[in-house]
């Protein structure tokens, strides 16, 4: 059975470090698949007008398409160019919860994410997705600096 590593991406520079580290691990392991995951942050606490709700499905489809085009497809191609089996998944939801759920669904052995340098007020008050993932995941989580 193949080992699976889930890599959480956010579309920024640190993604390269996470993908690079997962690729390095995959080469050491041998029979290993990398699953690149991009989660479009969505909160059930966001209040929308009726007009916004009418357009929601269309916007979700557009967001998924853009995430695939700008983040997932280039990363999968970069890994494929090195001979590393990889595929991508895009979902909506809470980043930490979705990464954990996808890793469980896929039977992954580990989750790899990159540390960000976000120092925003909301991150300091509510915590980051990375911190939430590390604290609550049932799988090993590697945070690449």
Protein backbone atom coordinates (compact mmCIF):
# COMPACT_ATOMS: atom_id res chain seq x y z
CA UNK A 1 0.00 0.00 0.00
CA UNK A 2 1.25 3.46 -0.91
CA UNK A 3 2.06 6.07 1.69
CA UNK A 4 0.11 9.32 1.34
CA UNK A 5 1.16 12.79 2.41
CA UNK A 6 -1.37 15.63 2.43
CA UNK A 7 0.14 19.07 1.82
CA UNK A 8 -1.91 22.12 2.75
CA UNK A 9 -1.44 25.04 0.37
CA UNK A 10 -2.58 28.64 0.71
CA UNK A 11 -1.34 30.10 -2.58
CA UNK A 12 1.62 32.00 -1.12
CA UNK A 13 5.40 31.68 -1.16
CA UNK A 14 5.70 29.32 1.82
CA UNK A 15 3.80 26.72 -0.22
CA UNK A 16 7.05 25.97 -2.07
CA UNK A 17 8.72 24.99 1.21
CA UNK A 18 5.89 22.63 2.16
CA UNK A 19 5.78 21.02 -1.29
CA UNK A 20 9.57 20.74 -1.38
CA UNK A 21 9.68 19.07 2.01
CA UNK A 22 6.87 16.65 1.14
CA UNK A 23 8.66 15.80 -2.12
CA UNK A 24 11.87 15.12 -0.18
CA UNK A 25 9.97 12.83 2.22
CA UNK A 26 8.27 11.05 -0.69
CA UNK A 27 11.64 10.28 -2.27
CA UNK A 28 12.92 8.86 1.02
CA UNK A 29 9.78 6.75 1.46
CA UNK A 30 9.63 5.43 -2.09
CA UNK A 31 6.06 4.40 -2.87
CA UNK A 32 4.38 7.66 -1.90
CA UNK A 33 1.64 9.89 -3.26
CA UNK A 34 1.40 13.60 -2.46
CA UNK A 35 -2.08 15.08 -2.19
CA UNK A 36 -2.05 18.86 -2.51
CA UNK A 37 -5.00 20.54 -0.79
CA UNK A 38 -6.21 24.11 -1.05
CA UNK A 39 -9.03 25.13 1.28
CA UNK A 40 -11.03 28.22 0.46
CA UNK A 41 -11.79 29.74 3.85
CA UNK A 42 -15.49 29.87 4.55
CA UNK A 43 -17.24 30.62 7.79
CA UNK A 44 -20.84 29.77 8.61
CA UNK A 45 -20.85 32.98 10.61
CA UNK A 46 -20.60 35.15 7.51
CA UNK A 47 -23.90 36.91 6.99
CA UNK A 48 -25.04 37.46 3.43
CA UNK A 49 -27.89 39.26 1.78
CA UNK A 50 -30.49 37.30 -0.23
CA UNK A 51 -28.87 38.62 -3.43
CA UNK A 52 -25.48 37.28 -2.31
CA UNK A 53 -26.99 33.90 -1.53
CA UNK A 54 -28.40 33.70 -5.07
CA UNK A 55 -24.88 34.13 -6.47
CA UNK A 56 -23.16 31.91 -3.92
CA UNK A 57 -23.05 28.69 -5.95
CA UNK A 58 -21.66 30.49 -8.99
CA UNK A 59 -19.00 32.21 -6.84
CA UNK A 60 -18.03 28.91 -5.21
CA UNK A 61 -17.53 27.29 -8.60
CA UNK A 62 -15.47 30.29 -9.77
CA UNK A 63 -13.34 30.16 -6.59
CA UNK A 64 -12.69 26.43 -7.05
CA UNK A 65 -11.75 26.96 -10.69
CA UNK A 66 -9.36 29.80 -9.82
CA UNK A 67 -7.75 27.84 -7.00
CA UNK A 68 -7.18 24.90 -9.31
CA UNK A 69 -5.80 27.12 -12.06
CA UNK A 70 -3.54 29.32 -9.92
CA UNK A 71 -2.42 27.02 -7.09
CA UNK A 72 -3.15 23.32 -7.51
CA UNK A 73 -2.43 22.71 -11.21
CA UNK A 74 1.00 24.42 -11.21
CA UNK A 75 2.04 22.59 -8.03
CA UNK A 76 0.87 19.19 -9.34
CA UNK A 77 2.67 19.86 -12.64
CA UNK A 78 5.89 20.83 -10.85
CA UNK A 79 5.82 17.56 -8.90
CA UNK A 80 4.89 15.53 -11.99
CA UNK A 81 7.86 17.05 -13.82
CA UNK A 82 10.12 15.48 -11.17
CA UNK A 83 8.36 12.11 -11.50
CA UNK A 84 6.53 12.45 -8.18
CA UNK A 85 2.92 11.16 -8.19
CA UNK A 86 0.62 13.94 -7.01
CA UNK A 87 -2.92 15.16 -7.30
CA UNK A 88 -4.88 18.09 -5.99
CA UNK A 89 -8.09 18.78 -4.10
CA UNK A 90 -9.89 22.10 -3.55
CA UNK A 91 -12.59 22.46 -0.89
CA UNK A 92 -14.45 25.18 1.01
CA UNK A 93 -14.54 25.38 4.79
CA UNK A 94 -12.43 25.84 7.87
CA UNK A 95 -8.82 25.22 6.83
CA UNK A 96 -7.74 23.09 9.79
CA UNK A 97 -10.94 21.03 9.85
CA UNK A 98 -10.95 20.39 6.10
CA UNK A 99 -7.25 19.42 5.96
CA UNK A 100 -7.76 16.96 8.79
CA UNK A 101 -10.94 15.53 7.23
CA UNK A 102 -9.36 15.14 3.80
CA UNK A 103 -6.29 13.47 5.30
CA UNK A 104 -8.54 11.03 7.16
CA UNK A 105 -10.70 10.35 4.06
CA UNK A 106 -7.62 9.73 1.92
CA UNK A 107 -5.95 7.48 4.48
CA UNK A 108 -2.97 9.82 4.68
CA UNK A 109 -0.07 9.10 6.98
CA UNK A 110 0.98 12.71 7.54
CA UNK A 111 0.03 16.33 6.89
CA UNK A 112 2.63 18.92 5.84
CA UNK A 113 1.98 22.67 6.00
CA UNK A 114 4.14 25.77 5.86
CA UNK A 115 4.40 28.25 8.67
CA UNK A 116 3.28 31.72 7.69
CA UNK A 117 4.42 34.99 9.16
CA UNK A 118 0.93 36.46 9.48
CA UNK A 119 0.87 38.80 12.48
CA UNK A 120 -2.66 40.13 12.05
CA UNK A 121 -4.82 40.95 15.05
CA UNK A 122 -7.34 38.23 14.23
CA UNK A 123 -4.58 35.62 14.07
CA UNK A 124 -3.22 36.70 17.45
CA UNK A 125 -6.68 36.57 19.03
CA UNK A 126 -8.21 33.48 17.40
CA UNK A 127 -5.09 31.52 16.42
CA UNK A 128 -3.93 30.41 13.04
CA UNK A 129 -5.14 27.53 10.91
CA UNK A 130 -1.73 25.91 11.32
CA UNK A 131 -1.88 26.12 15.12
CA UNK A 132 -5.43 24.73 15.14
CA UNK A 133 -4.39 21.87 12.88
CA UNK A 134 -1.38 20.99 15.03
CA UNK A 135 -3.43 21.07 18.23
CA UNK A 136 -6.38 19.01 16.96
CA UNK A 137 -5.10 16.66 14.28
CA UNK A 138 -5.13 12.93 14.90
CA UNK A 139 -2.34 12.57 12.33
CA UNK A 140 1.26 13.75 12.56
CA UNK A 141 1.59 17.33 11.28
CA UNK A 142 4.89 18.71 10.05
CA UNK A 143 5.16 22.48 9.99
CA UNK A 144 7.87 23.65 7.62
CA UNK A 145 9.51 26.95 8.56
